[in-house]
Amino acid sequence: MITSYYNRFKEKYYQNRGQRFLSQGLNQKAYNCFEKAILLNNDYINQFNMGLVLTSMNKHQDALAYLEKVYELFPENEVILTTIGETYTILRQWDKAIECYKKLHENHTDFSLYKNNYQRLLDPDLREKYVQSREFFFKGLLLQDQKLINEALEAFQQAIALDSNNAMLYNTIGIAMMIAKKDKKDIEYYFEKAVSLSPQNEGFKRNLARIKMKK
């Protein structure tokens, strides 16, 4: 019983630590924590966490092995449907992606994002542009991790040229420009654009407020 309690304590420790690293963009450290957690308990929570971090690491095929197991258990869960639907999209598994977003749209008819994603998947040109945009985005993140900020910014700009209404991309460019110590007004533009596209996102608003406070 003591061993079981200790293992459960360690599992929660690795879960919480992994989530914290993931929220900070420290994907490899998050992966190491989630890997330790899943060795202690191969349940759906740890499988989902592994799927999330592998997605963030641009290892979508590896992520799918975990996400599909969780999806089998909870085929109507909104968070799981969104995560695996995006993964199917990136992997160009169109039929499966359409099935996920059709469910999300039917279950949440008042949420325009699911409707828009579903309709985009039905259009071969739009969905291909979206995936190409995501590929440039992940390329930019890798370059940013390698401290190649100007090259990362170029990749992010290529991403936004293909998906110009993506608030997260504008926010990402703003952060990269801050790292590169670009002009304050230029940085403000991207954070303002992110907030205008996603006015409910508190993180975007905090980034805008932070840059406005800078002298």
N, C-alpha and C. Protein backbone atom coordinates (compact mmCIF):
# COMPACT_ATOMS: atom_id res chain seq x y z
N MET A 1 0.83 -1.21 0.00
CA MET A 1 0.00 0.00 0.00
C MET A 1 0.86 1.26 0.00
N ILE A 2 1.96 1.23 0.78
CA ILE A 2 2.86 2.38 0.84
C ILE A 2 3.50 2.61 -0.52
N THR A 3 3.89 1.50 -1.18
CA THR A 3 4.49 1.60 -2.52
C THR A 3 3.51 2.20 -3.51
N SER A 4 2.26 1.76 -3.43
CA SER A 4 1.22 2.26 -4.33
C SER A 4 1.00 3.75 -4.12
N TYR A 5 0.95 4.18 -2.89
CA TYR A 5 0.76 5.60 -2.57
C TYR A 5 1.94 6.41 -3.08
N TYR A 6 3.16 5.89 -2.88
CA TYR A 6 4.36 6.61 -3.31
C TYR A 6 4.39 6.75 -4.84
N ASN A 7 4.01 5.68 -5.55
CA ASN A 7 3.98 5.74 -7.00
C ASN A 7 2.95 6.74 -7.50
N ARG A 8 1.79 6.79 -6.81
CA ARG A 8 0.76 7.75 -7.19
C ARG A 8 1.25 9.18 -6.96
N PHE A 9 1.97 9.38 -5.87
CA PHE A 9 2.54 10.70 -5.58
C PHE A 9 3.53 11.10 -6.68
N LYS A 10 4.40 10.16 -7.06
CA LYS A 10 5.39 10.45 -8.11
C LYS A 10 4.70 10.74 -9.44
N GLU A 11 3.66 9.97 -9.74
CA GLU A 11 2.92 10.18 -10.99
C GLU A 11 2.35 11.60 -11.05
N LYS A 12 1.69 12.04 -9.97
CA LYS A 12 1.11 13.38 -9.93
C LYS A 12 2.20 14.45 -10.04
N TYR A 13 3.32 14.18 -9.40
CA TYR A 13 4.44 15.13 -9.47
C TYR A 13 4.90 15.31 -10.91
N TYR A 14 5.07 14.20 -11.63
CA TYR A 14 5.53 14.28 -13.02
C TYR A 14 4.46 14.89 -13.92
N GLN A 15 3.19 14.60 -13.64
CA GLN A 15 2.11 15.20 -14.42
C GLN A 15 2.11 16.72 -14.27
N ASN A 16 2.16 17.19 -13.03
CA ASN A 16 2.11 18.63 -12.78
C ASN A 16 3.35 19.35 -13.31
N ARG A 17 4.49 18.72 -13.12
CA ARG A 17 5.73 19.32 -13.61
C ARG A 17 5.74 19.36 -15.14
N GLY A 18 5.25 18.29 -15.75
CA GLY A 18 5.17 18.23 -17.21
C GLY A 18 4.24 19.29 -17.77
N GLN A 19 3.10 19.48 -17.13
CA GLN A 19 2.16 20.51 -17.58
C GLN A 19 2.77 21.90 -17.47
N ARG A 20 3.51 22.13 -16.42
CA ARG A 20 4.15 23.43 -16.24
C ARG A 20 5.20 23.66 -17.34
N PHE A 21 6.00 22.67 -17.61
CA PHE A 21 6.99 22.79 -18.68
C PHE A 21 6.31 23.00 -20.04
N LEU A 22 5.21 22.28 -20.27
CA LEU A 22 4.51 22.39 -21.54
C LEU A 22 3.96 23.81 -21.73
N SER A 23 3.41 24.39 -20.67
CA SER A 23 2.86 25.75 -20.75
C SER A 23 3.95 26.78 -20.99
N GLN A 24 5.20 26.44 -20.62
CA GLN A 24 6.33 27.35 -20.81
C GLN A 24 7.03 27.12 -22.15
N GLY A 25 6.54 26.15 -22.92
CA GLY A 25 7.16 25.84 -24.21
C GLY A 25 8.41 25.00 -24.09
N LEU A 26 8.66 24.43 -22.92
CA LEU A 26 9.83 23.56 -22.70
C LEU A 26 9.42 22.12 -23.00
N ASN A 27 9.29 21.83 -24.28
CA ASN A 27 8.66 20.59 -24.70
C ASN A 27 9.45 19.34 -24.34
N GLN A 28 10.76 19.39 -24.50
CA GLN A 28 11.56 18.20 -24.20
C GLN A 28 11.49 17.87 -22.71
N LYS A 29 11.54 18.89 -21.87
CA LYS A 29 11.43 18.66 -20.43
C LYS A 29 10.04 18.12 -20.08
N ALA A 30 9.01 18.66 -20.74
CA ALA A 30 7.65 18.16 -20.51
C ALA A 30 7.55 16.70 -20.93
N TYR A 31 8.12 16.39 -22.08
CA TYR A 31 8.10 15.00 -22.57
C TYR A 31 8.76 14.06 -21.56
N ASN A 32 9.92 14.46 -21.03
CA ASN A 32 10.62 13.61 -20.07
C ASN A 32 9.76 13.32 -18.85
N CYS A 33 9.01 14.34 -18.39
CA CYS A 33 8.13 14.15 -17.23
C CYS A 33 6.97 13.23 -17.56
N PHE A 34 6.32 13.47 -18.69
CA PHE A 34 5.16 12.65 -19.06
C PHE A 34 5.58 11.20 -19.34
N GLU A 35 6.78 11.03 -19.85
CA GLU A 35 7.28 9.67 -20.09
C GLU A 35 7.42 8.91 -18.78
N LYS A 36 7.92 9.60 -17.76
CA LYS A 36 8.07 8.97 -16.44
C LYS A 36 6.70 8.66 -15.83
N ALA A 37 5.74 9.57 -16.04
CA ALA A 37 4.40 9.36 -15.51
C ALA A 37 3.72 8.15 -16.15
N ILE A 38 3.89 8.01 -17.46
CA ILE A 38 3.20 6.93 -18.16
C ILE A 38 3.83 5.57 -17.83
N LEU A 39 5.10 5.57 -17.46
CA LEU A 39 5.73 4.32 -17.02
C LEU A 39 5.16 3.86 -15.68
N LEU A 40 4.72 4.83 -14.88
CA LEU A 40 4.10 4.49 -13.60
C LEU A 40 2.65 4.08 -13.75
N ASN A 41 1.96 4.69 -14.74
CA ASN A 41 0.53 4.41 -14.92
C ASN A 41 0.14 4.71 -16.37
N ASN A 42 -0.12 3.68 -17.14
CA ASN A 42 -0.44 3.85 -18.56
C ASN A 42 -1.94 4.11 -18.75
N ASP A 43 -2.46 5.13 -18.05
CA ASP A 43 -3.89 5.41 -18.16
C ASP A 43 -4.14 6.50 -19.19
N TYR A 44 -5.41 6.85 -19.39
CA TYR A 44 -5.77 7.77 -20.47
C TYR A 44 -5.24 9.18 -20.23
N ILE A 45 -5.11 9.60 -18.97
CA ILE A 45 -4.60 10.94 -18.68
C ILE A 45 -3.15 11.07 -19.17
N ASN A 46 -2.34 10.09 -18.82
CA ASN A 46 -0.94 10.13 -19.21
C ASN A 46 -0.76 9.92 -20.73
N GLN A 47 -1.63 9.11 -21.31
CA GLN A 47 -1.59 8.93 -22.76
C GLN A 47 -1.94 10.24 -23.47
N PHE A 48 -2.94 10.94 -22.96
CA PHE A 48 -3.33 12.22 -23.57
C PHE A 48 -2.22 13.25 -23.42
N ASN A 49 -1.59 13.30 -22.25
CA ASN A 49 -0.48 14.22 -22.05
C ASN A 49 0.66 13.95 -23.02
N MET A 50 0.93 12.67 -23.25
CA MET A 50 1.98 12.32 -24.22
C MET A 50 1.59 12.76 -25.62
N GLY A 51 0.32 12.58 -25.95
CA GLY A 51 -0.15 13.04 -27.25
C GLY A 51 0.01 14.54 -27.42
N LEU A 52 -0.32 15.28 -26.37
CA LEU A 52 -0.21 16.74 -26.42
C LEU A 52 1.22 17.20 -26.62
N VAL A 53 2.14 16.65 -25.84
CA VAL A 53 3.52 17.13 -25.93
C VAL A 53 4.15 16.72 -27.25
N LEU A 54 3.82 15.54 -27.76
CA LEU A 54 4.37 15.12 -29.05
C LEU A 54 3.82 16.00 -30.18
N THR A 55 2.57 16.42 -30.05
CA THR A 55 2.01 17.37 -31.01
C THR A 55 2.79 18.68 -30.97
N SER A 56 3.07 19.17 -29.78
CA SER A 56 3.83 20.41 -29.63
C SER A 56 5.25 20.28 -30.17
N MET A 57 5.78 19.05 -30.19
CA MET A 57 7.12 18.80 -30.70
C MET A 57 7.12 18.51 -32.21
N ASN A 58 5.93 18.68 -32.84
CA ASN A 58 5.78 18.44 -34.27
C ASN A 58 5.98 16.97 -34.63
N LYS A 59 5.68 16.08 -33.68
CA LYS A 59 5.77 14.63 -33.93
C LYS A 59 4.35 14.08 -33.96
N HIS A 60 3.61 14.48 -34.99
CA HIS A 60 2.17 14.22 -35.02
C HIS A 60 1.83 12.75 -35.21
N GLN A 61 2.62 12.03 -35.98
CA GLN A 61 2.35 10.61 -36.16
C GLN A 61 2.56 9.85 -34.86
N ASP A 62 3.59 10.21 -34.12
CA ASP A 62 3.83 9.58 -32.81
C ASP A 62 2.71 9.96 -31.84
N ALA A 63 2.27 11.21 -31.90
CA ALA A 63 1.18 11.67 -31.02
C ALA A 63 -0.09 10.88 -31.26
N LEU A 64 -0.34 10.57 -32.53
CA LEU A 64 -1.59 9.90 -32.89
C LEU A 64 -1.73 8.54 -32.22
N ALA A 65 -0.60 7.85 -32.02
CA ALA A 65 -0.65 6.53 -31.37
C ALA A 65 -1.25 6.63 -29.97
N TYR A 66 -0.98 7.73 -29.28
CA TYR A 66 -1.55 7.94 -27.95
C TYR A 66 -2.97 8.50 -28.02
N LEU A 67 -3.16 9.48 -28.89
CA LEU A 67 -4.46 10.15 -28.96
C LEU A 67 -5.58 9.22 -29.41
N GLU A 68 -5.28 8.32 -30.31
CA GLU A 68 -6.33 7.41 -30.79
C GLU A 68 -6.80 6.46 -29.69
N LYS A 69 -5.90 6.08 -28.80
CA LYS A 69 -6.30 5.22 -27.68
C LYS A 69 -7.29 5.96 -26.77
N VAL A 70 -7.01 7.24 -26.53
CA VAL A 70 -7.90 8.04 -25.68
C VAL A 70 -9.22 8.32 -26.40
N TYR A 71 -9.14 8.57 -27.69
CA TYR A 71 -10.32 8.83 -28.51
C TYR A 71 -11.29 7.65 -28.49
N GLU A 72 -10.73 6.44 -28.49
CA GLU A 72 -11.58 5.24 -28.44
C GLU A 72 -12.39 5.20 -27.14
N LEU A 73 -11.81 5.71 -26.06
CA LEU A 73 -12.50 5.71 -24.77
C LEU A 73 -13.52 6.85 -24.65
N PHE A 74 -13.19 8.00 -25.25
CA PHE A 74 -14.04 9.19 -25.11
C PHE A 74 -14.28 9.84 -26.48
N PRO A 75 -15.05 9.18 -27.33
CA PRO A 75 -15.24 9.67 -28.71
C PRO A 75 -16.05 10.96 -28.82
N GLU A 76 -16.71 11.39 -27.75
CA GLU A 76 -17.51 12.62 -27.79
C GLU A 76 -16.90 13.76 -26.99
N ASN A 77 -15.74 13.52 -26.36
CA ASN A 77 -15.13 14.55 -25.52
C ASN A 77 -14.61 15.71 -26.37
N GLU A 78 -14.99 16.93 -26.01
CA GLU A 78 -14.66 18.10 -26.82
C GLU A 78 -13.16 18.34 -26.94
N VAL A 79 -12.44 18.26 -25.83
CA VAL A 79 -11.00 18.52 -25.85
C VAL A 79 -10.28 17.48 -26.68
N ILE A 80 -10.66 16.21 -26.50
CA ILE A 80 -10.01 15.13 -27.25
C ILE A 80 -10.33 15.23 -28.73
N LEU A 81 -11.59 15.54 -29.05
CA LEU A 81 -11.98 15.69 -30.45
C LEU A 81 -11.20 16.82 -31.11
N THR A 82 -11.05 17.93 -30.41
CA THR A 82 -10.32 19.06 -30.97
C THR A 82 -8.86 18.70 -31.22
N THR A 83 -8.24 18.05 -30.24
CA THR A 83 -6.82 17.71 -30.34
C THR A 83 -6.57 16.70 -31.45
N ILE A 84 -7.36 15.65 -31.48
CA ILE A 84 -7.12 14.62 -32.50
C ILE A 84 -7.57 15.09 -33.87
N GLY A 85 -8.59 15.94 -33.91
CA GLY A 85 -9.04 16.51 -35.18
C GLY A 85 -7.95 17.35 -35.82
N GLU A 86 -7.27 18.15 -35.00
CA GLU A 86 -6.15 18.95 -35.49
C GLU A 86 -5.00 18.05 -35.96
N THR A 87 -4.75 16.98 -35.21
CA THR A 87 -3.67 16.07 -35.58
C THR A 87 -3.97 15.37 -36.91
N TYR A 88 -5.21 14.90 -37.08
CA TYR A 88 -5.60 14.30 -38.36
C TYR A 88 -5.44 15.31 -39.50
N THR A 89 -5.77 16.57 -39.21
CA THR A 89 -5.65 17.61 -40.23
C THR A 89 -4.21 17.80 -40.66
N ILE A 90 -3.30 17.95 -39.68
CA ILE A 90 -1.88 18.15 -39.99
C ILE A 90 -1.33 16.97 -40.79
N LEU A 91 -1.82 15.77 -40.49
CA LEU A 91 -1.35 14.57 -41.19
C LEU A 91 -2.09 14.33 -42.51
N ARG A 92 -2.99 15.26 -42.85
CA ARG A 92 -3.78 15.18 -44.08
C ARG A 92 -4.65 13.92 -44.15
N GLN A 93 -5.09 13.46 -42.99
CA GLN A 93 -6.07 12.37 -42.95
C GLN A 93 -7.45 13.01 -42.95
N TRP A 94 -7.84 13.48 -44.13
CA TRP A 94 -8.98 14.38 -44.27
C TRP A 94 -10.29 13.78 -43.77
N ASP A 95 -10.58 12.55 -44.13
CA ASP A 95 -11.87 11.95 -43.74
C ASP A 95 -12.02 11.89 -42.22
N LYS A 96 -10.96 11.50 -41.55
CA LYS A 96 -11.02 11.40 -40.09
C LYS A 96 -11.12 12.80 -39.45
N ALA A 97 -10.39 13.75 -40.03
CA ALA A 97 -10.46 15.13 -39.51
C ALA A 97 -11.86 15.69 -39.68
N ILE A 98 -12.46 15.45 -40.85
CA ILE A 98 -13.82 15.93 -41.12
C ILE A 98 -14.80 15.32 -40.13
N GLU A 99 -14.65 14.04 -39.84
CA GLU A 99 -15.55 13.37 -38.89
C GLU A 99 -15.48 14.03 -37.52
N CYS A 100 -14.26 14.36 -37.07
CA CYS A 100 -14.10 15.00 -35.76
C CYS A 100 -14.75 16.37 -35.72
N TYR A 101 -14.47 17.20 -36.72
CA TYR A 101 -15.00 18.55 -36.70
C TYR A 101 -16.49 18.60 -37.02
N LYS A 102 -16.99 17.60 -37.71
CA LYS A 102 -18.43 17.52 -37.91
C LYS A 102 -19.13 17.28 -36.57
N LYS A 103 -18.57 16.38 -35.77
CA LYS A 103 -19.11 16.12 -34.43
C LYS A 103 -19.06 17.39 -33.58
N LEU A 104 -17.92 18.07 -33.61
CA LEU A 104 -17.78 19.28 -32.80
C LEU A 104 -18.77 20.34 -33.23
N HIS A 105 -18.94 20.51 -34.54
CA HIS A 105 -19.89 21.50 -35.04
C HIS A 105 -21.32 21.16 -34.66
N GLU A 106 -21.68 19.88 -34.79
CA GLU A 106 -23.04 19.46 -34.47
C GLU A 106 -23.33 19.57 -32.97
N ASN A 107 -22.31 19.34 -32.15
CA ASN A 107 -22.50 19.39 -30.69
C ASN A 107 -22.38 20.81 -30.12
N HIS A 108 -21.80 21.72 -30.92
CA HIS A 108 -21.59 23.10 -30.45
C HIS A 108 -21.89 24.05 -31.61
N THR A 109 -23.13 24.08 -31.99
CA THR A 109 -23.53 24.87 -33.18
C THR A 109 -23.33 26.37 -33.00
N ASP A 110 -23.21 26.83 -31.74
CA ASP A 110 -23.04 28.27 -31.49
C ASP A 110 -21.57 28.69 -31.48
N PHE A 111 -20.66 27.74 -31.69
CA PHE A 111 -19.24 28.05 -31.65
C PHE A 111 -18.71 28.11 -33.08
N SER A 112 -18.42 29.32 -33.53
CA SER A 112 -18.07 29.53 -34.94
C SER A 112 -16.76 28.86 -35.34
N LEU A 113 -15.83 28.70 -34.40
CA LEU A 113 -14.54 28.11 -34.74
C LEU A 113 -14.71 26.70 -35.29
N TYR A 114 -15.55 25.90 -34.63
CA TYR A 114 -15.75 24.53 -35.10
C TYR A 114 -16.42 24.50 -36.47
N LYS A 115 -17.37 25.39 -36.66
CA LYS A 115 -18.03 25.49 -37.96
C LYS A 115 -17.03 25.88 -39.05
N ASN A 116 -16.20 26.86 -38.75
CA ASN A 116 -15.22 27.32 -39.74
C ASN A 116 -14.21 26.23 -40.07
N ASN A 117 -13.75 25.52 -39.04
CA ASN A 117 -12.79 24.44 -39.28
C ASN A 117 -13.41 23.31 -40.10
N TYR A 118 -14.66 23.00 -39.80
CA TYR A 118 -15.36 21.95 -40.56
C TYR A 118 -15.51 22.36 -42.02
N GLN A 119 -15.94 23.58 -42.25
CA GLN A 119 -16.14 24.04 -43.63
C GLN A 119 -14.81 24.12 -44.38
N ARG A 120 -13.75 24.51 -43.69
CA ARG A 120 -12.43 24.58 -44.33
C ARG A 120 -11.97 23.19 -44.78
N LEU A 121 -12.25 22.19 -43.96
CA LEU A 121 -11.84 20.83 -44.30
C LEU A 121 -12.57 20.29 -45.53
N LEU A 122 -13.73 20.84 -45.82
CA LEU A 122 -14.49 20.40 -46.99
C LEU A 122 -13.96 21.01 -48.29
N ASP A 123 -13.09 22.01 -48.17
CA ASP A 123 -12.52 22.69 -49.33
C ASP A 123 -11.06 22.26 -49.51
N PRO A 124 -10.72 21.50 -50.55
CA PRO A 124 -9.35 20.99 -50.72
C PRO A 124 -8.29 22.08 -50.74
N ASP A 125 -8.57 23.22 -51.36
CA ASP A 125 -7.57 24.29 -51.43
C ASP A 125 -7.35 24.94 -50.07
N LEU A 126 -8.43 25.23 -49.36
CA LEU A 126 -8.31 25.90 -48.06
C LEU A 126 -7.63 25.02 -47.03
N ARG A 127 -7.98 23.74 -47.01
CA ARG A 127 -7.38 22.86 -46.00
C ARG A 127 -5.90 22.64 -46.27
N GLU A 128 -5.51 22.60 -47.56
CA GLU A 128 -4.09 22.44 -47.88
C GLU A 128 -3.30 23.68 -47.48
N LYS A 129 -3.86 24.86 -47.70
CA LYS A 129 -3.20 26.10 -47.28
C LYS A 129 -3.02 26.12 -45.77
N TYR A 130 -4.05 25.67 -45.05
CA TYR A 130 -3.98 25.66 -43.60
C TYR A 130 -2.84 24.75 -43.12
N VAL A 131 -2.76 23.56 -43.69
CA VAL A 131 -1.71 22.62 -43.27
C VAL A 131 -0.33 23.16 -43.61
N GLN A 132 -0.18 23.76 -44.76
CA GLN A 132 1.10 24.37 -45.12
C GLN A 132 1.47 25.48 -44.14
N SER A 133 0.47 26.24 -43.72
CA SER A 133 0.71 27.29 -42.74
C SER A 133 1.22 26.69 -41.43
N ARG A 134 0.59 25.61 -40.99
CA ARG A 134 1.02 24.97 -39.75
C ARG A 134 2.43 24.41 -39.88
N GLU A 135 2.76 23.92 -41.04
CA GLU A 135 4.12 23.40 -41.25
C GLU A 135 5.16 24.51 -41.14
N PHE A 136 4.86 25.68 -41.70
CA PHE A 136 5.76 26.82 -41.54
C PHE A 136 5.84 27.24 -40.07
N PHE A 137 4.69 27.19 -39.37
CA PHE A 137 4.66 27.55 -37.96
C PHE A 137 5.58 26.65 -37.14
N PHE A 138 5.49 25.34 -37.34
CA PHE A 138 6.33 24.42 -36.58
C PHE A 138 7.80 24.58 -36.97
N LYS A 139 8.06 24.88 -38.24
CA LYS A 139 9.43 25.17 -38.66
C LYS A 139 9.97 26.39 -37.92
N GLY A 140 9.11 27.41 -37.78
CA GLY A 140 9.51 28.62 -37.06
C GLY A 140 9.83 28.34 -35.60
N LEU A 141 9.02 27.52 -34.96
CA LEU A 141 9.28 27.17 -33.56
C LEU A 141 10.61 26.46 -33.40
N LEU A 142 10.91 25.56 -34.33
CA LEU A 142 12.19 24.85 -34.27
C LEU A 142 13.36 25.81 -34.43
N LEU A 143 13.24 26.73 -35.39
CA LEU A 143 14.30 27.72 -35.60
C LEU A 143 14.44 28.63 -34.39
N GLN A 144 13.32 28.96 -33.76
CA GLN A 144 13.36 29.80 -32.56
C GLN A 144 14.07 29.08 -31.42
N ASP A 145 13.81 27.78 -31.27
CA ASP A 145 14.50 26.99 -30.25
C ASP A 145 16.00 26.95 -30.51
N GLN A 146 16.39 27.04 -31.79
CA GLN A 146 17.81 27.02 -32.16
C GLN A 146 18.43 28.41 -32.11
N LYS A 147 17.66 29.39 -31.59
CA LYS A 147 18.12 30.78 -31.46
C LYS A 147 18.30 31.47 -32.81
N LEU A 148 17.68 30.94 -33.85
CA LEU A 148 17.74 31.57 -35.18
C LEU A 148 16.47 32.40 -35.35
N ILE A 149 16.42 33.54 -34.65
CA ILE A 149 15.19 34.29 -34.53
C ILE A 149 14.76 34.91 -35.86
N ASN A 150 15.69 35.48 -36.60
CA ASN A 150 15.31 36.10 -37.88
C ASN A 150 14.76 35.07 -38.86
N GLU A 151 15.38 33.89 -38.88
CA GLU A 151 14.89 32.81 -39.74
C GLU A 151 13.52 32.33 -39.26
N ALA A 152 13.34 32.29 -37.94
CA ALA A 152 12.05 31.90 -37.37
C ALA A 152 10.97 32.89 -37.77
N LEU A 153 11.29 34.17 -37.70
CA LEU A 153 10.32 35.20 -38.08
C LEU A 153 9.92 35.07 -39.55
N GLU A 154 10.87 34.73 -40.38
CA GLU A 154 10.57 34.53 -41.80
C GLU A 154 9.59 33.37 -41.99
N ALA A 155 9.81 32.28 -41.25
CA ALA A 155 8.91 31.14 -41.34
C ALA A 155 7.52 31.49 -40.83
N PHE A 156 7.45 32.24 -39.72
CA PHE A 156 6.15 32.66 -39.18
C PHE A 156 5.41 33.56 -40.17
N GLN A 157 6.16 34.42 -40.86
CA GLN A 157 5.53 35.30 -41.85
C GLN A 157 4.97 34.48 -43.02
N GLN A 158 5.67 33.43 -43.40
CA GLN A 158 5.16 32.54 -44.45
C GLN A 158 3.89 31.83 -43.98
N ALA A 159 3.87 31.50 -42.69
CA ALA A 159 2.68 30.85 -42.13
C ALA A 159 1.49 31.79 -42.18
N ILE A 160 1.71 33.04 -41.79
CA ILE A 160 0.60 33.99 -41.70
C ILE A 160 0.11 34.40 -43.09
N ALA A 161 0.98 34.33 -44.09
CA ALA A 161 0.56 34.63 -45.46
C ALA A 161 -0.46 33.61 -45.96
N LEU A 162 -0.41 32.40 -45.39
CA LEU A 162 -1.34 31.34 -45.78
C LEU A 162 -2.57 31.27 -44.88
N ASP A 163 -2.48 31.90 -43.70
CA ASP A 163 -3.58 31.83 -42.72
C ASP A 163 -3.64 33.18 -42.00
N SER A 164 -4.13 34.20 -42.70
CA SER A 164 -4.01 35.58 -42.23
C SER A 164 -4.95 35.95 -41.10
N ASN A 165 -5.87 35.06 -40.73
CA ASN A 165 -6.80 35.37 -39.64
C ASN A 165 -6.53 34.53 -38.40
N ASN A 166 -5.31 34.05 -38.27
CA ASN A 166 -4.94 33.19 -37.15
C ASN A 166 -4.32 34.05 -36.04
N ALA A 167 -5.08 34.27 -34.97
CA ALA A 167 -4.62 35.14 -33.88
C ALA A 167 -3.36 34.61 -33.23
N MET A 168 -3.27 33.30 -33.08
CA MET A 168 -2.12 32.71 -32.42
C MET A 168 -0.83 33.00 -33.18
N LEU A 169 -0.90 33.04 -34.52
CA LEU A 169 0.29 33.34 -35.31
C LEU A 169 0.78 34.77 -35.07
N TYR A 170 -0.15 35.71 -35.01
CA TYR A 170 0.24 37.10 -34.74
C TYR A 170 0.88 37.22 -33.36
N ASN A 171 0.32 36.53 -32.39
CA ASN A 171 0.88 36.56 -31.04
C ASN A 171 2.27 35.95 -31.02
N THR A 172 2.45 34.85 -31.74
CA THR A 172 3.75 34.18 -31.81
C THR A 172 4.80 35.08 -32.44
N ILE A 173 4.41 35.80 -33.51
CA ILE A 173 5.34 36.72 -34.15
C ILE A 173 5.71 37.85 -33.19
N GLY A 174 4.73 38.36 -32.45
CA GLY A 174 5.01 39.40 -31.47
C GLY A 174 6.04 38.95 -30.45
N ILE A 175 5.89 37.73 -29.95
CA ILE A 175 6.83 37.20 -28.95
C ILE A 175 8.22 37.06 -29.56
N ALA A 176 8.29 36.53 -30.79
CA ALA A 176 9.58 36.36 -31.46
C ALA A 176 10.25 37.71 -31.70
N MET A 177 9.45 38.71 -32.04
CA MET A 177 10.00 40.05 -32.27
C MET A 177 10.52 40.66 -30.97
N MET A 178 9.86 40.36 -29.87
CA MET A 178 10.37 40.82 -28.57
C MET A 178 11.72 40.20 -28.27
N ILE A 179 11.84 38.90 -28.55
CA ILE A 179 13.11 38.21 -28.33
C ILE A 179 14.21 38.84 -29.19
N ALA A 180 13.83 39.20 -30.43
CA ALA A 180 14.79 39.80 -31.36
C ALA A 180 15.01 41.28 -31.11
N LYS A 181 14.29 41.84 -30.11
CA LYS A 181 14.41 43.25 -29.74
C LYS A 181 14.09 44.17 -30.92
N LYS A 182 12.99 43.86 -31.60
CA LYS A 182 12.54 44.69 -32.72
C LYS A 182 11.86 45.95 -32.18
N ASP A 183 11.53 46.85 -33.10
CA ASP A 183 10.91 48.11 -32.73
C ASP A 183 9.59 47.89 -32.00
N LYS A 184 9.38 48.67 -30.93
CA LYS A 184 8.19 48.51 -30.09
C LYS A 184 6.91 48.65 -30.89
N LYS A 185 6.83 49.62 -31.78
CA LYS A 185 5.61 49.84 -32.56
C LYS A 185 5.30 48.65 -33.46
N ASP A 186 6.34 48.04 -34.02
CA ASP A 186 6.14 46.86 -34.87
C ASP A 186 5.60 45.69 -34.04
N ILE A 187 6.13 45.54 -32.85
CA ILE A 187 5.68 44.46 -31.97
C ILE A 187 4.23 44.69 -31.56
N GLU A 188 3.90 45.94 -31.22
CA GLU A 188 2.53 46.28 -30.82
C GLU A 188 1.53 45.89 -31.90
N TYR A 189 1.89 46.11 -33.16
CA TYR A 189 0.97 45.80 -34.25
C TYR A 189 0.54 44.34 -34.20
N TYR A 190 1.48 43.44 -33.97
CA TYR A 190 1.15 42.01 -33.99
C TYR A 190 0.31 41.61 -32.77
N PHE A 191 0.64 42.14 -31.61
CA PHE A 191 -0.17 41.84 -30.43
C PHE A 191 -1.57 42.44 -30.55
N GLU A 192 -1.67 43.64 -31.11
CA GLU A 192 -2.98 44.26 -31.31
C GLU A 192 -3.82 43.44 -32.30
N LYS A 193 -3.17 42.95 -33.33
CA LYS A 193 -3.88 42.12 -34.30
C LYS A 193 -4.37 40.82 -33.66
N ALA A 194 -3.54 40.22 -32.82
CA ALA A 194 -3.94 38.99 -32.12
C ALA A 194 -5.16 39.24 -31.25
N VAL A 195 -5.15 40.34 -30.51
CA VAL A 195 -6.27 40.67 -29.62
C VAL A 195 -7.53 40.98 -30.43
N SER A 196 -7.37 41.67 -31.55
CA SER A 196 -8.55 42.00 -32.36
C SER A 196 -9.21 40.75 -32.94
N LEU A 197 -8.39 39.73 -33.24
CA LEU A 197 -8.92 38.49 -33.80
C LEU A 197 -9.45 37.55 -32.72
N SER A 198 -8.90 37.66 -31.51
CA SER A 198 -9.32 36.79 -30.41
C SER A 198 -9.43 37.63 -29.13
N PRO A 199 -10.46 38.47 -29.04
CA PRO A 199 -10.56 39.44 -27.93
C PRO A 199 -10.77 38.81 -26.55
N GLN A 200 -11.14 37.54 -26.51
CA GLN A 200 -11.36 36.89 -25.22
C GLN A 200 -10.10 36.26 -24.64
N ASN A 201 -9.04 36.22 -25.42
CA ASN A 201 -7.82 35.53 -24.97
C ASN A 201 -7.04 36.43 -24.01
N GLU A 202 -6.99 36.01 -22.75
CA GLU A 202 -6.33 36.81 -21.72
C GLU A 202 -4.82 36.87 -21.93
N GLY A 203 -4.23 35.79 -22.43
CA GLY A 203 -2.80 35.78 -22.67
C GLY A 203 -2.40 36.80 -23.72
N PHE A 204 -3.18 36.89 -24.79
CA PHE A 204 -2.90 37.87 -25.85
C PHE A 204 -3.00 39.29 -25.29
N LYS A 205 -4.01 39.51 -24.47
CA LYS A 205 -4.20 40.85 -23.89
C LYS A 205 -3.06 41.21 -22.94
N ARG A 206 -2.58 40.24 -22.20
CA ARG A 206 -1.45 40.51 -21.29
C ARG A 206 -0.19 40.87 -22.08
N ASN A 207 0.03 40.17 -23.19
CA ASN A 207 1.21 40.48 -24.00
C ASN A 207 1.13 41.90 -24.57
N LEU A 208 -0.06 42.28 -25.01
CA LEU A 208 -0.24 43.64 -25.54
C LEU A 208 -0.01 44.68 -24.46
N ALA A 209 -0.58 44.44 -23.29
CA ALA A 209 -0.40 45.39 -22.19
C ALA A 209 1.06 45.50 -21.79
N ARG A 210 1.76 44.37 -21.80
CA ARG A 210 3.17 44.36 -21.40
C ARG A 210 4.03 45.19 -22.34
N ILE A 211 3.78 45.07 -23.64
CA ILE A 211 4.60 45.83 -24.60
C ILE A 211 4.25 47.31 -24.57
N LYS A 212 2.99 47.65 -24.30
CA LYS A 212 2.58 49.03 -24.23
C LYS A 212 3.22 49.74 -23.03
N MET A 213 3.50 48.99 -21.99
CA MET A 213 4.11 49.56 -20.79
C MET A 213 5.61 49.82 -20.95
N LYS A 214 6.22 49.17 -21.93
CA LYS A 214 7.65 49.34 -22.13
C LYS A 214 7.97 50.74 -22.62
N LYS A 215 9.06 51.31 -22.14
CA LYS A 215 9.46 52.65 -22.57
C LYS A 215 10.26 52.56 -23.86
